[in-house]
Amino acid sequence: METGHSKTMDKTRVVVVDDSALVRSLLAEIINREPDMACIGTAPDPLAAREMIRELDPDVITLDVEMPRMDGIEFLSRLMRLRPMPVVMVSTLTERGADVTLKALELGAVDFVAKPRIGVADGLRLLGEDITCKIRIAAQARVHRSAPRAVVGGAPAAPAALGRLSSERVIFIGASTGGTEATRELLVALPHDAPAVMITQHMPPGFTRSYAARLDGLCRIAVKEAVDGERVLPGHAYVAPGGLHLAVERSGASYVARVRDGDPVNRHRPSVEVLFESAARAVGRHALGVMLTGMGADGARAMRAMRDAGSWNIVQDEASCVVFGMPREAIAAGAAHEVLPLAQIAPRLMQHLRAGAGLAAACR
């Protein structure tokens, strides 16, 4: 057990938990280079970490997913039940690493960093900005005590079907930090015949396929990673692949997904700005926009463009956000029609769709 007691009163105090001495050393070095944070201790396993957390009361923990004596997931589960605090997971870029990381986010971890499988030292140094940025965000995050899901498998009581609504309607969701679980909560509350949903969640390559597959197993709608050129269909949700932008285009009477490479927009790829700009352009008044929890301003201007083009927009409220960055900026841009707690967003979308369908029927 290694600890360091420097003057850290006004700094974000971080404990690093990793079974690799090299990774512990590198992460401590990266953290201590920053003027606003300090690594106050490193632990080789969760049992050592438990004592260190009691003794040092850190602001943020970085936690390896796979460790001896007790794996990171089991430790995180206990921690979030007994002493909830901001955790950034450090995971490997493997399919198993992705699945375990998604479980960690479900349990309450704020975010994750993917460490390279080879060239760990150089790879972690290159990721230094990403790591320290996520520690800063985690230090500001709202962390809730984790509780078991009310229904095993995740799905609540089935919402009423929407019936014959216009296939032209499309729901667009933008999210970042905290968004994997916020999006899950929204999608599991949608009926099987909901309009098409297009999602940009800030996530690196290698994780979005596992994320989409996990959602597909929980939701009544089909969820998949978006593929360039495919038709966008009701009852389906399309997740932007990590490292690529997602947009929508009109094709005759229907819509198609466009997945492309390109420069980061607002420092992100995929970017919510790209998806929402395309929604304003191609879908207009048939679009419904949703901005969920996340750091920064990605998508705020484009969400305002959606509103100007006739869309109906809902923004997640501060109390239910992990980080109230992107929603705050969308509100400031004048993009929101309504600001709601996460649990009320899906029911309100369905209410708005039913009201619109009723009005359309009355006008025929």
Foldseek 3Di string as FASTA:
>chain_A
DFFADDPQPQAQEEEEEALDPLVNVLLQVLQCVDPRHHDGYYHNHLVRVVVVCVVPVGQEYEAEQQHPPDGRLVSLLVCLQPPWHEYEYEFELDLVRLLSVLSSLLSWHFYYDHAYPPPRNVRVVVCSVVVNVVSVLSSVFDTHRGDDAPDPLAADPADDDLPDFDLLAEEEEEEEGSVLVLVLLLQSHAHQQAHFYEYEYFDAARNVQSSQVSSCSRHSARGGAADAFAWGTGSYYHYDGHQWEWAWADDVPTITIHTGHDDADQNTHHFLLRHLQRCLVHRQQSYEYEYAADAAATNQLSLQSSVVSNYAYEYEDDVQHRHCHNSVSNVVSVNHPYYYHSNCPNVVVSVVSSVVRVVVVVVD
